[in-house]
C-alpha atoms as a PDB file:
ATOM      1  CA  UNK A   1       0.194   0.175  -0.060  1.00  0.00           C
ATOM      2  CA  UNK A   2       1.896   3.258  -0.797  1.00  0.00           C
ATOM      3  CA  UNK A   3       2.664   5.837   2.152  1.00  0.00           C
ATOM      4  CA  UNK A   4      -0.196   8.450   2.330  1.00  0.00           C
ATOM      5  CA  UNK A   5       1.554  12.203   2.098  1.00  0.00           C
ATOM      6  CA  UNK A   6       2.241  12.942   5.259  1.00  0.00           C
ATOM      7  CA  UNK A   7       4.070   9.243   5.977  1.00  0.00           C
ATOM      8  CA  UNK A   8       6.401  10.193   2.502  1.00  0.00           C
ATOM      9  CA  UNK A   9       7.161  13.430   4.612  1.00  0.00           C
ATOM     10  CA  UNK A  10       7.839  11.199   7.972  1.00  0.00           C
ATOM     11  CA  UNK A  11       9.971   9.041   6.538  1.00  0.00           C
ATOM     12  CA  UNK A  12      11.802  11.463   4.497  1.00  0.00           C
ATOM     13  CA  UNK A  13      12.427  13.335   7.469  1.00  0.00           C
ATOM     14  CA  UNK A  14      13.320  10.293   9.541  1.00  0.00           C
ATOM     15  CA  UNK A  15      15.941   9.644   7.088  1.00  0.00           C
ATOM     16  CA  UNK A  16      17.368  13.157   7.199  1.00  0.00           C
ATOM     17  CA  UNK A  17      17.776  12.500  10.889  1.00  0.00           C
ATOM     18  CA  UNK A  18      19.199   8.871  10.658  1.00  0.00           C
ATOM     19  CA  UNK A  19      22.017  10.123   8.248  1.00  0.00           C
ATOM     20  CA  UNK A  20      22.857  12.552  10.209  1.00  0.00           C
ATOM     21  CA  UNK A  21      21.827  16.086   8.211  1.00  0.00           C
ATOM     22  CA  UNK A  22      19.868  16.887  11.526  1.00  0.00           C
ATOM     23  CA  UNK A  23      21.547  16.022  14.657  1.00  0.00           C
ATOM     24  CA  UNK A  24      20.126  16.212  18.252  1.00  0.00           C
ATOM     25  CA  UNK A  25      18.795  20.020  19.252  1.00  0.00           C
ATOM     26  CA  UNK A  26      18.712  21.027  15.170  1.00  0.00           C
ATOM     27  CA  UNK A  27      16.039  22.726  14.018  1.00  0.00           C
ATOM     28  CA  UNK A  28      14.006  20.730  11.232  1.00  0.00           C
ATOM     29  CA  UNK A  29      12.302  22.568   8.032  1.00  0.00           C
ATOM     30  CA  UNK A  30       9.451  24.835   8.717  1.00  0.00           C
ATOM     31  CA  UNK A  31       5.962  24.461   8.125  1.00  0.00           C
ATOM     32  CA  UNK A  32       5.787  26.412   5.455  1.00  0.00           C
ATOM     33  CA  UNK A  33       8.814  25.556   3.723  1.00  0.00           C
ATOM     34  CA  UNK A  34       8.084  22.347   3.688  1.00  0.00           C
ATOM     35  CA  UNK A  35       4.721  22.326   2.641  1.00  0.00           C
ATOM     36  CA  UNK A  36       6.168  24.603  -0.568  1.00  0.00           C
ATOM     37  CA  UNK A  37       8.425  21.524  -1.295  1.00  0.00           C
ATOM     38  CA  UNK A  38       6.561  18.755  -1.260  1.00  0.00           C
ATOM     39  CA  UNK A  39       3.083  21.163  -2.627  1.00  0.00           C
ATOM     40  CA  UNK A  40       0.923  20.056   0.347  1.00  0.00           C
ATOM     41  CA  UNK A  41      -0.726  22.203   2.968  1.00  0.00           C
ATOM     42  CA  UNK A  42       0.446  22.722   5.972  1.00  0.00           C
ATOM     43  CA  UNK A  43      -1.946  20.497   7.873  1.00  0.00           C
ATOM     44  CA  UNK A  44      -0.285  17.876   6.286  1.00  0.00           C
ATOM     45  CA  UNK A  45       2.979  18.905   7.305  1.00  0.00           C
ATOM     46  CA  UNK A  46       1.932  18.916  11.062  1.00  0.00           C
ATOM     47  CA  UNK A  47       0.608  15.721  10.692  1.00  0.00           C
ATOM     48  CA  UNK A  48       3.958  14.618   9.525  1.00  0.00           C
ATOM     49  CA  UNK A  49       5.358  16.218  12.519  1.00  0.00           C
ATOM     50  CA  UNK A  50       3.121  14.352  14.857  1.00  0.00           C
ATOM     51  CA  UNK A  51       4.098  11.020  14.100  1.00  0.00           C
ATOM     52  CA  UNK A  52       7.382  11.982  14.518  1.00  0.00           C
ATOM     53  CA  UNK A  53       7.075  13.401  17.175  1.00  0.00           C
ATOM     54  CA  UNK A  54       4.729  10.361  18.293  1.00  0.00           C
ATOM     55  CA  UNK A  55       7.884   7.978  17.727  1.00  0.00           C
ATOM     56  CA  UNK A  56      10.357  10.330  20.076  1.00  0.00           C
ATOM     57  CA  UNK A  57      11.748  11.709  17.562  1.00  0.00           C
ATOM     58  CA  UNK A  58      11.401  15.384  17.677  1.00  0.00           C
ATOM     59  CA  UNK A  59      10.372  17.968  20.397  1.00  0.00           C
ATOM     60  CA  UNK A  60       8.477  21.172  20.121  1.00  0.00           C
ATOM     61  CA  UNK A  61       9.469  24.101  20.903  1.00  0.00           C
ATOM     62  CA  UNK A  62       7.739  27.848  21.301  1.00  0.00           C
ATOM     63  CA  UNK A  63       8.800  30.259  19.201  1.00  0.00           C
ATOM     64  CA  UNK A  64      10.809  27.962  17.214  1.00  0.00           C
ATOM     65  CA  UNK A  65       9.258  24.762  15.920  1.00  0.00           C
ATOM     66  CA  UNK A  66      10.330  21.764  15.746  1.00  0.00           C
ATOM     67  CA  UNK A  67      13.579  20.325  16.832  1.00  0.00           C
ATOM     68  CA  UNK A  68      15.386  17.012  16.950  1.00  0.00           C
ATOM     69  CA  UNK A  69      15.088  14.840  20.613  1.00  0.00           C
ATOM     70  CA  UNK A  70      18.647  16.021  22.208  1.00  0.00           C
ATOM     71  CA  UNK A  71      18.198  12.689  24.401  1.00  0.00           C
ATOM     72  CA  UNK A  72      16.807   9.153  22.933  1.00  0.00           C
ATOM     73  CA  UNK A  73      13.921   7.592  25.197  1.00  0.00           C
ATOM     74  CA  UNK A  74      13.731   4.009  24.754  1.00  0.00           C
ATOM     75  CA  UNK A  75      10.645   1.527  26.479  1.00  0.00           C
ATOM     76  CA  UNK A  76      11.572  -0.949  29.101  1.00  0.00           C
ATOM     77  CA  UNK A  77      10.518  -4.455  27.443  1.00  0.00           C
ATOM     78  CA  UNK A  78       6.817  -4.776  27.618  1.00  0.00           C
ATOM     79  CA  UNK A  79       3.398  -3.219  27.451  1.00  0.00           C
ATOM     80  CA  UNK A  80       3.605  -2.668  23.724  1.00  0.00           C
ATOM     81  CA  UNK A  81      -0.242  -2.631  23.333  1.00  0.00           C
ATOM     82  CA  UNK A  82      -1.600  -1.376  19.602  1.00  0.00           C
ATOM     83  CA  UNK A  83      -2.164   2.171  19.661  1.00  0.00           C
ATOM     84  CA  UNK A  84       0.739   2.720  22.089  1.00  0.00           C
ATOM     85  CA  UNK A  85       3.312   5.381  20.851  1.00  0.00           C
ATOM     86  CA  UNK A  86       6.676   4.713  21.249  1.00  0.00           C
ATOM     87  CA  UNK A  87       7.352   7.484  23.847  1.00  0.00           C
ATOM     88  CA  UNK A  88       4.697   5.951  26.215  1.00  0.00           C
ATOM     89  CA  UNK A  89       6.551   4.633  28.938  1.00  0.00           C
ATOM     90  CA  UNK A  90       9.862   5.794  27.554  1.00  0.00           C
ATOM     91  CA  UNK A  91      12.866   7.013  29.259  1.00  0.00           C
ATOM     92  CA  UNK A  92      16.233   7.849  28.571  1.00  0.00           C
ATOM     93  CA  UNK A  93      18.773   4.858  28.349  1.00  0.00           C
ATOM     94  CA  UNK A  94      22.140   3.732  27.424  1.00  0.00           C
ATOM     95  CA  UNK A  95      23.419   1.999  24.854  1.00  0.00           C
ATOM     96  CA  UNK A  96      25.483  -0.954  26.148  1.00  0.00           C
ATOM     97  CA  UNK A  97      28.307  -2.357  24.352  1.00  0.00           C
ATOM     98  CA  UNK A  98      28.184  -3.047  20.584  1.00  0.00           C
ATOM     99  CA  UNK A  99      25.710  -5.752  19.120  1.00  0.00           C
ATOM    100  CA  UNK A 100      26.560  -9.687  18.795  1.00  0.00           C
ATOM    101  CA  UNK A 101      25.562 -12.810  17.923  1.00  0.00           C
ATOM    102  CA  UNK A 102      25.324 -15.593  20.427  1.00  0.00           C
ATOM    103  CA  UNK A 103      23.505 -18.189  20.941  1.00  0.00           C
ATOM    104  CA  UNK A 104      20.450 -16.662  23.651  1.00  0.00           C
ATOM    105  CA  UNK A 105      19.863 -18.359  26.974  1.00  0.00           C
ATOM    106  CA  UNK A 106      17.319 -21.134  26.740  1.00  0.00           C
ATOM    107  CA  UNK A 107      14.082 -19.711  26.916  1.00  0.00           C
ATOM    108  CA  UNK A 108      14.937 -17.113  24.146  1.00  0.00           C
ATOM    109  CA  UNK A 109      16.132 -20.178  22.384  1.00  0.00           C
ATOM    110  CA  UNK A 110      12.458 -21.483  22.897  1.00  0.00           C
ATOM    111  CA  UNK A 111      11.013 -18.619  22.122  1.00  0.00           C
ATOM    112  CA  UNK A 112      12.206 -17.556  18.840  1.00  0.00           C
ATOM    113  CA  UNK A 113      12.087 -21.163  17.429  1.00  0.00           C
ATOM    114  CA  UNK A 114      16.328 -21.612  17.130  1.00  0.00           C
ATOM    115  CA  UNK A 115      18.124 -24.595  16.157  1.00  0.00           C
ATOM    116  CA  UNK A 116      20.246 -26.100  18.623  1.00  0.00           C
ATOM    117  CA  UNK A 117      22.819 -23.318  18.595  1.00  0.00           C
ATOM    118  CA  UNK A 118      21.842 -21.489  16.104  1.00  0.00           C
ATOM    119  CA  UNK A 119      22.851 -18.029  17.173  1.00  0.00           C
ATOM    120  CA  UNK A 120      20.329 -14.739  17.482  1.00  0.00           C
ATOM    121  CA  UNK A 121      21.212 -11.112  17.211  1.00  0.00           C
ATOM    122  CA  UNK A 122      21.785  -9.271  20.823  1.00  0.00           C
ATOM    123  CA  UNK A 123      21.434  -5.240  21.531  1.00  0.00           C
ATOM    124  CA  UNK A 124      21.609  -4.253  25.000  1.00  0.00           C
ATOM    125  CA  UNK A 125      20.229  -0.844  26.709  1.00  0.00           C
ATOM    126  CA  UNK A 126      19.949   0.441  30.008  1.00  0.00           C
ATOM    127  CA  UNK A 127      17.280   1.851  30.655  1.00  0.00           C
ATOM    128  CA  UNK A 128      17.155   5.434  33.521  1.00  0.00           C
ATOM    129  CA  UNK A 129      15.035   6.576  36.229  1.00  0.00           C
ATOM    130  CA  UNK A 130      14.190  10.358  36.372  1.00  0.00           C
ATOM    131  CA  UNK A 131      17.585  10.522  38.483  1.00  0.00           C
ATOM    132  CA  UNK A 132      19.824   9.452  36.044  1.00  0.00           C
ATOM    133  CA  UNK A 133      20.476   5.995  37.749  1.00  0.00           C
ATOM    134  CA  UNK A 134      19.774   2.270  36.308  1.00  0.00           C
ATOM    135  CA  UNK A 135      16.057   1.347  36.334  1.00  0.00           C
ATOM    136  CA  UNK A 136      15.930  -1.933  33.659  1.00  0.00           C
ATOM    137  CA  UNK A 137      18.748  -3.604  31.911  1.00  0.00           C
ATOM    138  CA  UNK A 138      16.833  -4.607  28.424  1.00  0.00           C
ATOM    139  CA  UNK A 139      18.338  -7.616  26.078  1.00  0.00           C
ATOM    140  CA  UNK A 140      16.660  -7.592  22.805  1.00  0.00           C
ATOM    141  CA  UNK A 141      16.810 -10.628  20.281  1.00  0.00           C
ATOM    142  CA  UNK A 142      16.159 -10.884  17.254  1.00  0.00           C
ATOM    143  CA  UNK A 143      16.006 -14.314  15.072  1.00  0.00           C
ATOM    144  CA  UNK A 144      18.991 -14.654  11.953  1.00  0.00           C
ATOM    145  CA  UNK A 145      16.608 -14.082   9.535  1.00  0.00           C
ATOM    146  CA  UNK A 146      15.419 -10.450  10.819  1.00  0.00           C
ATOM    147  CA  UNK A 147      19.018  -9.699  11.948  1.00  0.00           C
ATOM    148  CA  UNK A 148      20.009 -10.275   7.902  1.00  0.00           C
ATOM    149  CA  UNK A 149      16.942  -8.538   6.285  1.00  0.00           C
ATOM    150  CA  UNK A 150      17.741  -5.561   8.749  1.00  0.00           C
ATOM    151  CA  UNK A 151      21.501  -4.536   8.819  1.00  0.00           C
ATOM    152  CA  UNK A 152      21.336  -1.864  10.904  1.00  0.00           C
ATOM    153  CA  UNK A 153      20.558  -3.823  14.148  1.00  0.00           C
ATOM    154  CA  UNK A 154      23.831  -5.039  13.795  1.00  0.00           C
ATOM    155  CA  UNK A 155      25.224  -1.494  14.092  1.00  0.00           C
ATOM    156  CA  UNK A 156      26.292   0.196  17.871  1.00  0.00           C
ATOM    157  CA  UNK A 157      24.410   3.324  17.611  1.00  0.00           C
ATOM    158  CA  UNK A 158      20.216   3.985  18.526  1.00  0.00           C
ATOM    159  CA  UNK A 159      17.868   4.042  15.440  1.00  0.00           C
ATOM    160  CA  UNK A 160      16.021   6.567  15.308  1.00  0.00           C
ATOM    161  CA  UNK A 161      12.482   5.864  13.944  1.00  0.00           C
ATOM    162  CA  UNK A 162      12.418   2.551  16.297  1.00  0.00           C
ATOM    163  CA  UNK A 163      13.659  -0.809  15.521  1.00  0.00           C
ATOM    164  CA  UNK A 164       9.712  -2.093  15.247  1.00  0.00           C
ATOM    165  CA  UNK A 165       9.378   0.455  12.941  1.00  0.00           C
ATOM    166  CA  UNK A 166      13.100   0.007  11.064  1.00  0.00           C
ATOM    167  CA  UNK A 167      12.219  -4.036  10.548  1.00  0.00           C
ATOM    168  CA  UNK A 168       8.694  -3.143   9.353  1.00  0.00           C
ATOM    169  CA  UNK A 169      10.214  -1.636   6.800  1.00  0.00           C
ATOM    170  CA  UNK A 170      12.863  -3.950   6.218  1.00  0.00           C
ATOM    171  CA  UNK A 171      11.041  -7.005   6.739  1.00  0.00           C
ATOM    172  CA  UNK A 172       7.580  -5.892   5.501  1.00  0.00           C
ATOM    173  CA  UNK A 173       6.682  -7.740   8.704  1.00  0.00           C
ATOM    174  CA  UNK A 174       4.840  -6.335  11.290  1.00  0.00           C
ATOM    175  CA  UNK A 175       4.089  -6.880  15.284  1.00  0.00           C
ATOM    176  CA  UNK A 176       0.034  -8.687  15.731  1.00  0.00           C
ATOM    177  CA  UNK A 177       0.112 -10.207  19.290  1.00  0.00           C
ATOM    178  CA  UNK A 178       2.240  -9.597  22.150  1.00  0.00           C
ATOM    179  CA  UNK A 179       3.416 -11.881  24.546  1.00  0.00           C
ATOM    180  CA  UNK A 180       4.777 -11.045  28.159  1.00  0.00           C
ATOM    181  CA  UNK A 181       5.614 -13.196  30.995  1.00  0.00           C
ATOM    182  CA  UNK A 182       6.621 -11.402  34.373  1.00  0.00           C
ATOM    183  CA  UNK A 183       8.845 -13.734  36.467  1.00  0.00           C
ATOM    184  CA  UNK A 184      10.815 -12.773  39.609  1.00  0.00           C
ATOM    185  CA  UNK A 185      14.456 -14.453  40.675  1.00  0.00           C
ATOM    186  CA  UNK A 186      17.588 -12.755  41.347  1.00  0.00           C
ATOM    187  CA  UNK A 187      20.037 -11.117  39.829  1.00  0.00           C
ATOM    188  CA  UNK A 188      22.899 -12.654  37.803  1.00  0.00           C
ATOM    189  CA  UNK A 189      26.649 -11.040  38.970  1.00  0.00           C
ATOM    190  CA  UNK A 190      26.500  -9.236  35.966  1.00  0.00           C
ATOM    191  CA  UNK A 191      23.171  -7.939  35.924  1.00  0.00           C
ATOM    192  CA  UNK A 192      23.642  -6.617  39.810  1.00  0.00           C
ATOM    193  CA  UNK A 193      26.610  -4.541  38.311  1.00  0.00           C
ATOM    194  CA  UNK A 194      24.946  -3.153  35.531  1.00  0.00           C
ATOM    195  CA  UNK A 195      21.581  -2.369  37.914  1.00  0.00           C
ATOM    196  CA  UNK A 196      23.579  -0.812  40.783  1.00  0.00           C
ATOM    197  CA  UNK A 197      22.514  -3.413  43.409  1.00  0.00           C
ATOM    198  CA  UNK A 198      24.282  -5.672  46.134  1.00  0.00           C
ATOM    199  CA  UNK A 199      23.799  -9.534  45.849  1.00  0.00           C
ATOM    200  CA  UNK A 200      21.298 -11.155  46.732  1.00  0.00           C
ATOM    201  CA  UNK A 201      19.408  -9.004  44.785  1.00  0.00           C
ATOM    202  CA  UNK A 202      15.481  -9.368  43.745  1.00  0.00           C
ATOM    203  CA  UNK A 203      14.325  -8.749  40.218  1.00  0.00           C
ATOM    204  CA  UNK A 204      11.566  -8.424  37.981  1.00  0.00           C
ATOM    205  CA  UNK A 205      11.641  -9.644  34.291  1.00  0.00           C
ATOM    206  CA  UNK A 206       9.551  -9.582  31.736  1.00  0.00           C
ATOM    207  CA  UNK A 207      10.152 -11.823  28.711  1.00  0.00           C
ATOM    208  CA  UNK A 208       8.471  -9.790  25.937  1.00  0.00           C
ATOM    209  CA  UNK A 209       7.960 -11.559  22.642  1.00  0.00           C
ATOM    210  CA  UNK A 210       6.615  -9.893  19.478  1.00  0.00           C
ATOM    211  CA  UNK A 211       4.880 -12.180  16.978  1.00  0.00           C
ATOM    212  CA  UNK A 212       4.111 -11.485  12.983  1.00  0.00           C
ATOM    213  CA  UNK A 213       0.567 -12.735  11.270  1.00  0.00           C
ATOM    214  CA  UNK A 214       2.267 -15.946  10.700  1.00  0.00           C
ATOM    215  CA  UNK A 215       2.929 -16.314  14.463  1.00  0.00           C
ATOM    216  CA  UNK A 216       7.181 -16.316  13.820  1.00  0.00           C
ATOM    217  CA  UNK A 217       9.256 -14.246  16.682  1.00  0.00           C
ATOM    218  CA  UNK A 218      10.142 -10.934  15.337  1.00  0.00           C
ATOM    219  CA  UNK A 219      12.210 -10.087  18.690  1.00  0.00           C
ATOM    220  CA  UNK A 220      12.376 -11.241  22.376  1.00  0.00           C
ATOM    221  CA  UNK A 221      13.098  -8.728  24.679  1.00  0.00           C
ATOM    222  CA  UNK A 222      14.448  -9.106  28.364  1.00  0.00           C
ATOM    223  CA  UNK A 223      13.512  -6.682  30.948  1.00  0.00           C
ATOM    224  CA  UNK A 224      15.315  -7.055  34.861  1.00  0.00           C
ATOM    225  CA  UNK A 225      14.281  -4.633  36.922  1.00  0.00           C
ATOM    226  CA  UNK A 226      15.463  -4.264  40.028  1.00  0.00           C
ATOM    227  CA  UNK A 227      12.158  -5.143  42.945  1.00  0.00           C
ATOM    228  CA  UNK A 228      12.714  -1.736  44.668  1.00  0.00           C
ATOM    229  CA  UNK A 229      12.203   0.397  41.462  1.00  0.00           C
ATOM    230  CA  UNK A 230       9.250  -2.003  39.963  1.00  0.00           C
ATOM    231  CA  UNK A 231       5.811  -1.287  39.928  1.00  0.00           C
ATOM    232  CA  UNK A 232       2.750  -2.684  37.375  1.00  0.00           C
ATOM    233  CA  UNK A 233       0.157  -0.844  37.451  1.00  0.00           C
ATOM    234  CA  UNK A 234      -3.732  -1.876  35.266  1.00  0.00           C
ATOM    235  CA  UNK A 235      -6.677   0.081  34.813  1.00  0.00           C
ATOM    236  CA  UNK A 236      -9.419  -1.853  33.296  1.00  0.00           C
ATOM    237  CA  UNK A 237     -13.415  -1.651  33.092  1.00  0.00           C
ATOM    238  CA  UNK A 238     -14.992  -3.948  35.600  1.00  0.00           C
ATOM    239  CA  UNK A 239     -18.936  -4.459  34.814  1.00  0.00           C
END
């Protein structure tokens, strides 16, 4: 299905931000300039910018227009319900190490339906609390077919448009069902070090898996949060 005009404008701006043409804090083209360039109304341009703002790529500054977000944000694992914006529940984060390929833990192998000894692409990030201290350690595992089709996943920097959007563009596969499983255990040595907690330390673990239309896994994310900062609240109708 061809993109609508506002989606084309949003995609073009995403590409320009990703390429480095516009860096963090840079002012983006005005609504008037983009409207003239694309031969559309100002309202169409505003709609494009609203898409990018919902993805956490741009912010509005009074009297100046739209600028590129200075601090990239990411969400903890889980809670990726249909219609939720990428910034919902998002917080500042640090990317940890270089993406690499290795054999995942057994429970991730099962979820991704990998063969014995088969590797997956691992990306790690540390989502921060408001005071800058560690909040959640998230390890994302991408099956080899996704990693091969979406090569930017193997690069160290953040993907400005978000991995879900990028994978969709590169593979044509979209998440249709998410499964979140929450468990509690003790932190490993590495987790204790990264989360800055003293062992033995209890952690809540959310294992989030996104499946496509054919129930093939697109990604498996494991979010590890220290017990003292973990909180999960749901609001739902009753009758």
